[in-house]
Amino acid sequence: MENLNCHNFELQSINGDEHQRLVCLNCGEINYKNPKIVTGSLILHENKFLLCKRAIEPGKGLWTIPAGYLEENETVETGALREAYEEARAKIIIDHLFSIFSLKKINQIQIIYLAHLNDNYFAPGIESLDVKLFEYKNLPWNEMAFPSVRWIFEFYKSYKNGDNLPFSKED
């Protein structure tokens, strides 16, 4: 959407498309309302998981893995590396694709990698109040910011029990 002042959208049927779309009555631009892509990583270090306590809404004060929206012109892997650094000042190495969540209720696709720290350093970034390593048995289950964070750890247990990657889930 180049000229935001131009747009006067109306829902219309479009030739060759099975869905109605928002079309600008002034210039004809089509606003495709596609899902947002979230990328992140489940980071391991010495058999512990790196979690961030959120400094922003939604979920302020709750724990999550480093993750966030993919930026324009960014690969999913590069976005996961960036999010780990922005939220936890962590430099990571991506090991494998871990999980994909299709969350139609919130219009998101979440792509999560299994990763490990490149070194021992991590610290809260601007979007985090705190960053800590947790053993699986000490995870803050009742203080997790999003259902998908709990799913990731449930999938991790399945992964350790021999289930194959990647995992997927739809809401």
C-alpha atoms as a PDB file:
ATOM      1  CA  MET A   1       0.000   0.000   0.000  1.00  0.00           C
ATOM      2  CA  GLU A   2       2.024   2.869  -1.328  1.00  0.00           C
ATOM      3  CA  ASN A   3      -0.413   5.761  -0.829  1.00  0.00           C
ATOM      4  CA  LEU A   4      -2.279   5.292   2.435  1.00  0.00           C
ATOM      5  CA  ASN A   5      -4.353   8.445   1.843  1.00  0.00           C
ATOM      6  CA  CYS A   6      -5.727   7.024  -1.400  1.00  0.00           C
ATOM      7  CA  HIS A   7      -7.453   3.967  -0.094  1.00  0.00           C
ATOM      8  CA  ASN A   8     -11.174   3.553   0.221  1.00  0.00           C
ATOM      9  CA  PHE A   9     -11.561  -0.222   0.526  1.00  0.00           C
ATOM     10  CA  GLU A  10     -14.637  -2.263  -0.215  1.00  0.00           C
ATOM     11  CA  LEU A  11     -15.064  -6.030  -0.093  1.00  0.00           C
ATOM     12  CA  GLN A  12     -15.444  -7.328  -3.662  1.00  0.00           C
ATOM     13  CA  SER A  13     -15.323 -10.508  -5.702  1.00  0.00           C
ATOM     14  CA  ILE A  14     -12.346 -10.626  -8.048  1.00  0.00           C
ATOM     15  CA  ASN A  15     -12.121 -12.557 -11.307  1.00  0.00           C
ATOM     16  CA  GLY A  16      -9.875 -15.575 -10.896  1.00  0.00           C
ATOM     17  CA  ASP A  17     -10.006 -15.527  -7.083  1.00  0.00           C
ATOM     18  CA  GLU A  18     -12.219 -17.732  -4.947  1.00  0.00           C
ATOM     19  CA  HIS A  19     -12.218 -15.273  -2.024  1.00  0.00           C
ATOM     20  CA  GLN A  20     -13.673 -11.815  -1.653  1.00  0.00           C
ATOM     21  CA  ARG A  21     -10.942  -9.217  -1.179  1.00  0.00           C
ATOM     22  CA  LEU A  22     -10.682  -5.626   0.005  1.00  0.00           C
ATOM     23  CA  VAL A  23     -10.263  -3.508  -3.140  1.00  0.00           C
ATOM     24  CA  CYS A  24      -9.557   0.238  -3.188  1.00  0.00           C
ATOM     25  CA  LEU A  25     -12.366   2.024  -5.038  1.00  0.00           C
ATOM     26  CA  ASN A  26      -9.937   4.819  -5.997  1.00  0.00           C
ATOM     27  CA  CYS A  27      -6.901   2.986  -7.398  1.00  0.00           C
ATOM     28  CA  GLY A  28      -7.927  -0.694  -7.577  1.00  0.00           C
ATOM     29  CA  GLU A  29      -5.223  -1.946  -5.193  1.00  0.00           C
ATOM     30  CA  ILE A  30      -6.108  -5.262  -3.559  1.00  0.00           C
ATOM     31  CA  ASN A  31      -5.402  -5.617   0.157  1.00  0.00           C
ATOM     32  CA  TYR A  32      -4.583  -9.286   0.626  1.00  0.00           C
ATOM     33  CA  LYS A  33      -5.049  -9.950   4.337  1.00  0.00           C
ATOM     34  CA  ASN A  34      -2.606 -12.821   4.718  1.00  0.00           C
ATOM     35  CA  PRO A  35      -1.353 -14.340   7.963  1.00  0.00           C
ATOM     36  CA  LYS A  36       1.522 -12.730   9.818  1.00  0.00           C
ATOM     37  CA  ILE A  37       4.632 -14.884  10.068  1.00  0.00           C
ATOM     38  CA  VAL A  38       6.272 -15.326  13.461  1.00  0.00           C
ATOM     39  CA  THR A  39       9.741 -16.818  13.682  1.00  0.00           C
ATOM     40  CA  GLY A  40      11.673 -17.873  16.759  1.00  0.00           C
ATOM     41  CA  SER A  41      13.820 -20.470  18.402  1.00  0.00           C
ATOM     42  CA  LEU A  42      13.783 -22.942  21.231  1.00  0.00           C
ATOM     43  CA  ILE A  43      17.310 -22.357  22.527  1.00  0.00           C
ATOM     44  CA  LEU A  44      19.175 -24.975  24.526  1.00  0.00           C
ATOM     45  CA  HIS A  45      22.281 -24.445  26.607  1.00  0.00           C
ATOM     46  CA  GLU A  46      23.730 -27.154  28.845  1.00  0.00           C
ATOM     47  CA  ASN A  47      20.389 -29.031  28.853  1.00  0.00           C
ATOM     48  CA  LYS A  48      18.491 -25.887  29.862  1.00  0.00           C
ATOM     49  CA  PHE A  49      16.105 -23.685  27.901  1.00  0.00           C
ATOM     50  CA  LEU A  50      16.555 -19.960  27.385  1.00  0.00           C
ATOM     51  CA  LEU A  51      13.361 -18.035  28.138  1.00  0.00           C
ATOM     52  CA  CYS A  52      12.594 -14.321  28.099  1.00  0.00           C
ATOM     53  CA  LYS A  53      10.232 -12.514  30.459  1.00  0.00           C
ATOM     54  CA  ARG A  54       8.278 -10.137  28.231  1.00  0.00           C
ATOM     55  CA  ALA A  55       8.569  -6.377  28.790  1.00  0.00           C
ATOM     56  CA  ILE A  56       5.755  -5.624  26.331  1.00  0.00           C
ATOM     57  CA  GLU A  57       2.149  -6.611  25.715  1.00  0.00           C
ATOM     58  CA  PRO A  58       0.741  -9.040  24.954  1.00  0.00           C
ATOM     59  CA  GLY A  59       1.899 -11.172  27.833  1.00  0.00           C
ATOM     60  CA  LYS A  60       3.941  -8.550  29.668  1.00  0.00           C
ATOM     61  CA  GLY A  61       5.670 -10.171  32.664  1.00  0.00           C
ATOM     62  CA  LEU A  62       5.206 -13.704  31.305  1.00  0.00           C
ATOM     63  CA  TRP A  63       7.796 -16.088  29.864  1.00  0.00           C
ATOM     64  CA  THR A  64       8.320 -16.961  26.218  1.00  0.00           C
ATOM     65  CA  ILE A  65      10.947 -18.171  23.802  1.00  0.00           C
ATOM     66  CA  PRO A  66      12.696 -15.501  21.707  1.00  0.00           C
ATOM     67  CA  ALA A  67      10.332 -14.980  18.781  1.00  0.00           C
ATOM     68  CA  GLY A  68       8.593 -12.256  16.835  1.00  0.00           C
ATOM     69  CA  TYR A  69       7.269 -11.092  13.505  1.00  0.00           C
ATOM     70  CA  LEU A  70       9.326 -11.646  10.399  1.00  0.00           C
ATOM     71  CA  GLU A  71      10.488  -8.368   8.854  1.00  0.00           C
ATOM     72  CA  GLU A  72      10.186  -7.504   5.170  1.00  0.00           C
ATOM     73  CA  ASN A  73      12.975  -8.920   2.976  1.00  0.00           C
ATOM     74  CA  GLU A  74      14.144 -11.246   5.771  1.00  0.00           C
ATOM     75  CA  THR A  75      14.468 -15.022   5.664  1.00  0.00           C
ATOM     76  CA  VAL A  76      12.772 -17.042   8.381  1.00  0.00           C
ATOM     77  CA  GLU A  77      16.163 -18.233   9.685  1.00  0.00           C
ATOM     78  CA  THR A  78      17.612 -14.709   9.733  1.00  0.00           C
ATOM     79  CA  GLY A  79      14.516 -13.517  11.586  1.00  0.00           C
ATOM     80  CA  ALA A  80      14.971 -16.199  14.252  1.00  0.00           C
ATOM     81  CA  LEU A  81      18.620 -15.157  14.709  1.00  0.00           C
ATOM     82  CA  ARG A  82      17.584 -11.484  14.946  1.00  0.00           C
ATOM     83  CA  GLU A  83      14.820 -12.172  17.472  1.00  0.00           C
ATOM     84  CA  ALA A  84      17.207 -14.172  19.705  1.00  0.00           C
ATOM     85  CA  TYR A  85      19.597 -11.224  19.713  1.00  0.00           C
ATOM     86  CA  GLU A  86      16.930  -8.519  20.146  1.00  0.00           C
ATOM     87  CA  GLU A  87      15.151 -10.248  23.014  1.00  0.00           C
ATOM     88  CA  ALA A  88      17.991 -12.103  24.756  1.00  0.00           C
ATOM     89  CA  ARG A  89      21.210 -10.605  23.327  1.00  0.00           C
ATOM     90  CA  ALA A  90      21.960 -14.223  22.421  1.00  0.00           C
ATOM     91  CA  LYS A  91      23.981 -15.317  19.424  1.00  0.00           C
ATOM     92  CA  ILE A  92      22.617 -18.685  18.410  1.00  0.00           C
ATOM     93  CA  ILE A  93      23.235 -21.505  15.987  1.00  0.00           C
ATOM     94  CA  ILE A  94      20.140 -23.007  14.395  1.00  0.00           C
ATOM     95  CA  ASP A  95      20.148 -26.811  14.477  1.00  0.00           C
ATOM     96  CA  HIS A  96      16.811 -27.858  12.920  1.00  0.00           C
ATOM     97  CA  LEU A  97      13.351 -26.741  12.004  1.00  0.00           C
ATOM     98  CA  PHE A  98      11.372 -27.685  15.107  1.00  0.00           C
ATOM     99  CA  SER A  99       7.711 -26.768  14.694  1.00  0.00           C
ATOM    100  CA  ILE A 100       5.165 -24.968  12.556  1.00  0.00           C
ATOM    101  CA  PHE A 101       1.919 -23.668  14.013  1.00  0.00           C
ATOM    102  CA  SER A 102      -1.020 -22.554  11.869  1.00  0.00           C
ATOM    103  CA  LEU A 103      -3.040 -20.301  14.145  1.00  0.00           C
ATOM    104  CA  LYS A 104      -6.042 -19.184  12.124  1.00  0.00           C
ATOM    105  CA  LYS A 105      -7.833 -17.604  15.107  1.00  0.00           C
ATOM    106  CA  ILE A 106      -5.060 -14.985  15.364  1.00  0.00           C
ATOM    107  CA  ASN A 107      -4.042 -15.108  11.681  1.00  0.00           C
ATOM    108  CA  GLN A 108      -0.464 -16.282  12.328  1.00  0.00           C
ATOM    109  CA  ILE A 109       1.958 -18.872  11.069  1.00  0.00           C
ATOM    110  CA  GLN A 110       4.663 -19.583  13.663  1.00  0.00           C
ATOM    111  CA  ILE A 111       7.902 -21.192  12.506  1.00  0.00           C
ATOM    112  CA  ILE A 112      10.159 -22.288  15.355  1.00  0.00           C
ATOM    113  CA  TYR A 113      13.708 -23.644  15.191  1.00  0.00           C
ATOM    114  CA  LEU A 114      15.682 -25.759  17.629  1.00  0.00           C
ATOM    115  CA  ALA A 115      18.920 -23.896  18.356  1.00  0.00           C
ATOM    116  CA  HIS A 116      21.768 -23.590  20.815  1.00  0.00           C
ATOM    117  CA  LEU A 117      23.823 -20.714  22.173  1.00  0.00           C
ATOM    118  CA  ASN A 118      26.980 -19.875  20.278  1.00  0.00           C
ATOM    119  CA  ASP A 119      28.626 -18.832  23.565  1.00  0.00           C
ATOM    120  CA  ASN A 120      27.639 -18.411  27.223  1.00  0.00           C
ATOM    121  CA  TYR A 121      26.400 -14.828  26.909  1.00  0.00           C
ATOM    122  CA  PHE A 122      22.769 -13.704  27.115  1.00  0.00           C
ATOM    123  CA  ALA A 123      21.030 -10.712  28.720  1.00  0.00           C
ATOM    124  CA  PRO A 124      17.662  -8.961  28.535  1.00  0.00           C
ATOM    125  CA  GLY A 125      17.086  -7.054  25.323  1.00  0.00           C
ATOM    126  CA  ILE A 126      14.738  -4.076  24.981  1.00  0.00           C
ATOM    127  CA  GLU A 127      11.646  -6.320  24.807  1.00  0.00           C
ATOM    128  CA  SER A 128      12.588  -8.441  27.838  1.00  0.00           C
ATOM    129  CA  LEU A 129      12.490  -7.791  31.572  1.00  0.00           C
ATOM    130  CA  ASP A 130      14.629 -10.845  32.317  1.00  0.00           C
ATOM    131  CA  VAL A 131      16.269 -13.781  30.556  1.00  0.00           C
ATOM    132  CA  LYS A 132      16.951 -17.092  32.300  1.00  0.00           C
ATOM    133  CA  LEU A 133      17.888 -20.698  31.683  1.00  0.00           C
ATOM    134  CA  PHE A 134      15.379 -23.279  32.925  1.00  0.00           C
ATOM    135  CA  GLU A 135      15.604 -27.024  33.287  1.00  0.00           C
ATOM    136  CA  TYR A 136      12.576 -28.784  31.811  1.00  0.00           C
ATOM    137  CA  LYS A 137      11.336 -29.817  35.264  1.00  0.00           C
ATOM    138  CA  ASN A 138      11.473 -26.165  36.436  1.00  0.00           C
ATOM    139  CA  LEU A 139       9.765 -24.504  33.484  1.00  0.00           C
ATOM    140  CA  PRO A 140       7.312 -21.753  34.540  1.00  0.00           C
ATOM    141  CA  TRP A 141       4.285 -23.549  33.051  1.00  0.00           C
ATOM    142  CA  ASN A 142       1.751 -21.248  34.758  1.00  0.00           C
ATOM    143  CA  GLU A 143       3.584 -18.116  33.630  1.00  0.00           C
ATOM    144  CA  MET A 144       3.971 -18.772  29.916  1.00  0.00           C
ATOM    145  CA  ALA A 145       2.874 -15.937  27.664  1.00  0.00           C
ATOM    146  CA  PHE A 146       1.196 -17.935  24.898  1.00  0.00           C
ATOM    147  CA  PRO A 147      -0.325 -21.392  24.381  1.00  0.00           C
ATOM    148  CA  SER A 148       2.169 -22.056  21.587  1.00  0.00           C
ATOM    149  CA  VAL A 149       5.066 -21.754  24.056  1.00  0.00           C
ATOM    150  CA  ARG A 150       3.556 -24.589  26.109  1.00  0.00           C
ATOM    151  CA  TRP A 151       3.039 -26.621  22.928  1.00  0.00           C
ATOM    152  CA  ILE A 152       6.699 -26.175  22.020  1.00  0.00           C
ATOM    153  CA  PHE A 153       7.804 -27.697  25.314  1.00  0.00           C
ATOM    154  CA  GLU A 154       5.276 -30.511  25.040  1.00  0.00           C
ATOM    155  CA  PHE A 155       6.639 -31.224  21.554  1.00  0.00           C
ATOM    156  CA  TYR A 156      10.179 -31.104  22.910  1.00  0.00           C
ATOM    157  CA  LYS A 157       9.326 -33.917  25.315  1.00  0.00           C
ATOM    158  CA  SER A 158       7.959 -35.932  22.354  1.00  0.00           C
ATOM    159  CA  TYR A 159      11.122 -35.146  20.397  1.00  0.00           C
ATOM    160  CA  LYS A 160      13.288 -36.465  23.236  1.00  0.00           C
ATOM    161  CA  ASN A 161      11.127 -39.605  23.254  1.00  0.00           C
ATOM    162  CA  GLY A 162      12.023 -40.236  19.606  1.00  0.00           C
ATOM    163  CA  ASP A 163       9.281 -38.498  17.631  1.00  0.00           C
ATOM    164  CA  ASN A 164      10.417 -36.971  14.338  1.00  0.00           C
ATOM    165  CA  LEU A 165      10.812 -33.285  13.490  1.00  0.00           C
ATOM    166  CA  PRO A 166       9.205 -30.984  12.564  1.00  0.00           C
ATOM    167  CA  PHE A 167       6.078 -30.902  14.677  1.00  0.00           C
ATOM    168  CA  SER A 168       2.956 -29.078  13.561  1.00  0.00           C
ATOM    169  CA  LYS A 169      -0.296 -27.949  15.117  1.00  0.00           C
ATOM    170  CA  GLU A 170      -3.391 -26.057  14.065  1.00  0.00           C
ATOM    171  CA  ASP A 171      -5.789 -24.234  16.337  1.00  0.00           C
END
